[in-house]
N, C-alpha and C. Protein backbone atom coordinates (compact mmCIF):
# COMPACT_ATOMS: atom_id res chain seq x y z
N UNK A 1 7.66 -7.21 4.08
CA UNK A 1 6.95 -5.09 3.91
C UNK A 1 5.61 -6.39 2.32
N UNK A 2 5.61 -7.30 2.22
CA UNK A 2 5.14 -7.26 0.93
C UNK A 2 3.28 -6.72 1.06
N UNK A 3 3.13 -6.82 1.81
CA UNK A 3 1.76 -5.17 1.76
C UNK A 3 2.13 -3.93 0.94
N UNK A 4 3.13 -3.83 0.76
CA UNK A 4 3.56 -2.05 0.32
C UNK A 4 3.43 -2.76 -1.27
N UNK A 5 3.88 -3.51 -1.52
CA UNK A 5 4.36 -4.00 -3.29
C UNK A 5 1.71 -4.03 -3.10
N UNK A 6 1.52 -4.98 -2.71
CA UNK A 6 -0.03 -5.06 -2.94
C UNK A 6 -1.16 -4.31 -2.51
N UNK A 7 -0.35 -3.18 -2.21
CA UNK A 7 -1.12 -2.03 -1.51
C UNK A 7 -0.90 -1.46 -0.60
N UNK A 8 -0.24 -0.40 -1.91
CA UNK A 8 0.07 1.33 -0.93
C UNK A 8 -0.99 2.32 -0.50
N UNK A 9 -2.12 2.06 -0.54
CA UNK A 9 -2.75 2.83 0.03
C UNK A 9 -2.94 2.55 1.59
N UNK A 10 -3.22 1.29 1.31
CA UNK A 10 -3.76 0.74 2.35
C UNK A 10 -3.00 0.04 3.94
N UNK A 11 -1.43 -0.34 2.95
CA UNK A 11 -0.56 0.24 4.34
C UNK A 11 0.10 1.12 4.85
N UNK A 12 -0.40 2.37 4.50
CA UNK A 12 -0.04 3.85 4.71
C UNK A 12 -1.17 4.09 5.64
N UNK A 13 -2.75 3.82 5.37
CA UNK A 13 -3.53 4.39 6.24
C UNK A 13 -3.95 3.21 7.61
N UNK A 14 -3.43 2.21 7.14
CA UNK A 14 -4.22 0.85 7.90
C UNK A 14 -2.30 0.94 9.07
N UNK A 15 -1.51 0.71 8.40
CA UNK A 15 -0.16 0.47 9.32
C UNK A 15 0.76 1.20 9.95
N UNK A 16 0.28 2.75 8.66
CA UNK A 16 1.09 3.70 8.84
C UNK A 16 0.67 4.78 9.37
N UNK A 17 -0.87 4.71 9.76
CA UNK A 17 -1.84 5.82 10.18
C UNK A 17 -1.70 7.48 9.53
N UNK A 18 -1.23 7.40 8.64
CA UNK A 18 -1.22 8.10 7.38
C UNK A 18 -2.62 9.02 7.44
N UNK A 19 -3.26 9.97 7.06
CA UNK A 19 -4.31 10.62 5.92
C UNK A 19 -2.90 10.60 4.76
N UNK A 20 -4.26 9.55 3.47
CA UNK A 20 -3.38 9.77 2.28
C UNK A 20 -4.49 10.52 1.73
N UNK A 21 -4.54 11.59 0.68
CA UNK A 21 -5.51 12.83 0.02
C UNK A 21 -4.29 13.17 -1.38
N UNK A 22 -5.53 13.10 -2.17
CA UNK A 22 -5.09 14.39 -3.71
C UNK A 22 -5.49 15.58 -3.22
N UNK A 23 -4.74 16.05 -3.09
CA UNK A 23 -4.54 18.48 -3.41
C UNK A 23 -5.25 18.20 -5.08
N UNK A 24 -5.48 19.82 -4.95
CA UNK A 24 -6.56 20.13 -5.94
C UNK A 24 -5.63 20.10 -7.32
N UNK A 25 -3.83 19.67 -7.37
CA UNK A 25 -3.78 19.28 -8.41
C UNK A 25 -2.97 18.15 -8.80
N UNK A 26 -4.08 17.25 -8.09
CA UNK A 26 -3.88 15.80 -8.49
C UNK A 26 -2.89 15.16 -8.15
N UNK A 27 -2.20 16.11 -6.59
CA UNK A 27 -1.08 15.24 -6.28
C UNK A 27 -1.43 14.55 -5.27
N UNK A 28 -0.36 13.43 -4.79
CA UNK A 28 -0.45 12.74 -3.63
C UNK A 28 0.20 13.56 -2.22
N UNK A 29 -0.97 13.48 -1.18
CA UNK A 29 -0.51 14.15 0.17
C UNK A 29 -0.83 13.45 1.11
N UNK A 30 -0.07 13.30 1.98
CA UNK A 30 0.23 12.88 3.13
C UNK A 30 0.00 13.59 4.62
N UNK A 31 -1.26 13.14 5.71
CA UNK A 31 -1.51 13.73 6.62
C UNK A 31 -0.66 12.57 8.21
N UNK A 32 0.29 13.85 8.43
CA UNK A 32 0.72 13.10 9.60
C UNK A 32 0.27 13.58 11.46
N UNK A 33 0.26 12.92 12.20
CA UNK A 33 -0.45 13.52 13.54
C UNK A 33 1.12 13.51 14.34
N UNK A 34 0.81 14.47 15.36
CA UNK A 34 1.88 14.61 16.36
C UNK A 34 2.39 13.35 16.48
N UNK A 35 1.92 12.71 16.52
CA UNK A 35 2.51 10.89 17.33
C UNK A 35 3.73 10.56 16.07
N UNK A 36 2.90 10.97 15.04
CA UNK A 36 3.97 10.28 14.25
C UNK A 36 5.55 11.00 14.40
N UNK A 37 6.25 9.61 14.62
CA UNK A 37 7.66 10.06 14.59
C UNK A 37 8.45 10.46 13.55
N UNK A 38 9.39 10.85 13.04
CA UNK A 38 10.33 11.19 11.85
C UNK A 38 10.77 9.71 11.09
N UNK A 39 10.53 8.19 11.25
CA UNK A 39 11.31 7.13 10.99
C UNK A 39 9.69 7.15 9.90
N UNK A 40 9.12 6.99 10.66
CA UNK A 40 7.44 6.88 10.10
C UNK A 40 7.10 7.71 9.67
N UNK A 41 7.34 8.70 9.19
CA UNK A 41 7.06 9.56 7.88
C UNK A 41 7.88 9.78 6.77
N UNK A 42 9.35 9.28 7.64
CA UNK A 42 10.16 8.94 5.96
C UNK A 42 9.26 7.65 5.15
N UNK A 43 9.32 7.17 5.56
CA UNK A 43 9.23 5.58 5.87
C UNK A 43 7.69 5.87 4.54
N UNK A 44 7.15 6.67 5.27
CA UNK A 44 5.13 6.63 4.36
C UNK A 44 5.59 8.21 3.04
N UNK A 45 6.55 8.46 3.71
CA UNK A 45 6.79 9.39 2.03
C UNK A 45 7.43 8.72 0.98
N UNK A 46 8.43 7.90 1.44
CA UNK A 46 9.37 6.79 0.53
C UNK A 46 8.32 6.12 -0.07
N UNK A 47 6.63 5.39 0.14
CA UNK A 47 6.30 4.91 0.19
C UNK A 47 5.87 5.67 -1.23
N UNK A 48 5.76 6.98 -1.05
CA UNK A 48 4.27 7.36 -1.52
C UNK A 48 5.11 7.79 -3.16
N UNK A 49 6.11 8.20 -2.58
CA UNK A 49 6.93 8.89 -3.82
C UNK A 49 6.89 7.19 -4.98
N UNK A 50 7.69 6.00 -4.33
CA UNK A 50 7.51 5.07 -5.41
C UNK A 50 6.49 4.57 -5.77
N UNK A 51 5.43 4.86 -4.98
CA UNK A 51 4.16 4.34 -5.74
C UNK A 51 2.68 5.15 -6.28
N UNK A 52 3.35 6.82 -6.52
CA UNK A 52 2.67 8.02 -6.40
C UNK A 52 1.74 7.74 -7.89
N UNK A 53 1.90 7.14 -8.68
CA UNK A 53 0.87 6.55 -10.05
C UNK A 53 -0.28 5.26 -9.16
N UNK A 54 0.14 4.54 -8.77
CA UNK A 54 -1.07 3.34 -8.36
C UNK A 54 -1.88 4.59 -6.95
N UNK A 55 -1.22 4.86 -6.59
CA UNK A 55 -1.99 5.98 -5.37
C UNK A 55 -2.93 6.39 -5.80
N UNK A 56 -2.56 7.75 -6.79
CA UNK A 56 -3.26 8.46 -7.71
C UNK A 56 -4.62 7.84 -8.35
N UNK A 57 -4.50 6.84 -8.37
CA UNK A 57 -5.24 6.30 -9.38
C UNK A 57 -6.48 5.67 -8.51
N UNK A 58 -5.73 4.89 -7.38
CA UNK A 58 -6.41 4.43 -5.89
C UNK A 58 -7.26 5.47 -5.03
N UNK A 59 -6.72 7.04 -4.89
CA UNK A 59 -7.93 7.67 -4.72
C UNK A 59 -8.93 8.09 -5.68
N UNK A 60 -8.56 8.47 -7.17
CA UNK A 60 -9.52 9.13 -7.84
C UNK A 60 -10.76 7.99 -7.78
N UNK A 61 -10.16 6.74 -7.78
CA UNK A 61 -11.86 5.60 -7.81
C UNK A 61 -12.05 5.63 -6.51
N UNK A 62 -11.24 5.82 -4.99
CA UNK A 62 -11.88 5.60 -3.78
C UNK A 62 -13.19 6.45 -4.31
N UNK A 63 -12.54 7.83 -4.43
CA UNK A 63 -12.95 9.42 -3.69
C UNK A 63 -13.81 9.35 -4.49
N UNK A 64 -14.05 9.27 -5.30
CA UNK A 64 -15.41 9.22 -6.84
C UNK A 64 -14.99 10.26 -7.81
N UNK A 65 -13.54 9.88 -7.64
CA UNK A 65 -12.98 10.44 -9.59
C UNK A 65 -12.43 11.71 -9.26
N UNK A 66 -13.35 12.82 -8.64
CA UNK A 66 -13.03 13.80 -8.08
C UNK A 66 -11.67 14.78 -8.51
N UNK A 67 -11.14 13.76 -7.72
CA UNK A 67 -9.45 14.26 -7.09
C UNK A 67 -9.84 15.47 -6.77
N UNK A 68 -10.51 16.22 -6.01
CA UNK A 68 -10.86 17.27 -5.19
C UNK A 68 -10.43 17.39 -4.04
N UNK A 69 -9.57 18.34 -3.42
CA UNK A 69 -8.76 18.99 -2.14
C UNK A 69 -9.68 18.11 -1.26
N UNK A 70 -8.42 17.78 -0.14
CA UNK A 70 -8.79 17.32 0.49
C UNK A 70 -9.89 16.38 1.45
N UNK A 71 -9.27 15.36 0.61
CA UNK A 71 -10.88 13.99 0.52
C UNK A 71 -10.01 13.07 1.12
N UNK A 72 -10.67 11.61 2.34
CA UNK A 72 -10.36 11.29 2.80
C UNK A 72 -9.73 10.23 2.09
N UNK A 73 -9.18 8.80 2.15
CA UNK A 73 -8.59 8.23 0.78
C UNK A 73 -9.88 7.07 1.20
N UNK A 74 -9.97 6.85 2.65
CA UNK A 74 -10.75 5.42 2.78
C UNK A 74 -11.71 6.49 3.33
N UNK A 75 -13.28 6.30 2.84
CA UNK A 75 -15.19 7.11 3.11
C UNK A 75 -14.19 7.08 4.36
N UNK A 76 -14.45 5.47 6.00
CA UNK A 76 -14.55 5.06 7.08
C UNK A 76 -13.44 5.06 8.03
N UNK A 77 -12.69 4.91 7.13
CA UNK A 77 -10.98 3.89 8.24
C UNK A 77 -10.48 5.41 8.43
N UNK A 78 -10.32 6.26 8.33
CA UNK A 78 -9.75 7.15 8.68
C UNK A 78 -10.48 8.53 8.44
N UNK A 79 -11.43 9.36 9.22
CA UNK A 79 -11.76 10.62 9.10
C UNK A 79 -10.73 12.16 9.43
N UNK A 80 -11.46 12.88 8.62
CA UNK A 80 -10.44 13.98 8.15
C UNK A 80 -10.33 14.30 9.71
N UNK A 81 -9.16 14.77 9.13
CA UNK A 81 -7.93 15.94 10.98
C UNK A 81 -7.67 14.74 11.51
N UNK A 82 -8.35 13.91 12.44
CA UNK A 82 -7.83 12.24 13.10
C UNK A 82 -6.83 11.48 12.75
N UNK A 83 -6.15 10.90 13.27
CA UNK A 83 -5.27 10.07 13.59
C UNK A 83 -5.33 8.60 14.03
N UNK A 84 -4.74 7.65 13.98
CA UNK A 84 -4.74 6.10 14.70
C UNK A 84 -3.57 6.78 15.76
N UNK A 85 -3.24 6.25 16.56
CA UNK A 85 -2.04 6.06 17.69
C UNK A 85 -1.33 5.40 17.33
N UNK A 86 -0.45 5.64 17.00
CA UNK A 86 1.13 4.58 17.57
C UNK A 86 1.03 3.58 17.97
N UNK A 87 1.09 2.64 17.70
CA UNK A 87 1.46 1.64 18.88
C UNK A 87 2.96 1.46 18.89
N UNK A 88 4.09 1.19 19.50
CA UNK A 88 5.63 1.40 19.72
C UNK A 88 5.59 -0.39 19.46
């Protein structure tokens, strides 16, 4: 999993299909769909905890620096409220 070390935000969004955003307090939050399994959710949470500082900086830079609640991580990649399907 070398991609995780290089860019945790893109790994979470593109590979695990999570919604990653900052809440009102500036904390990194993850959004999952009903299709996500426990293993994927635990993996995503581990990555988010291990890379919280990097993710926070990426989200602030990518979200325009406001840190406001429920901003999507990457503009057009993951629209709010929708999730990409997991492919086994």
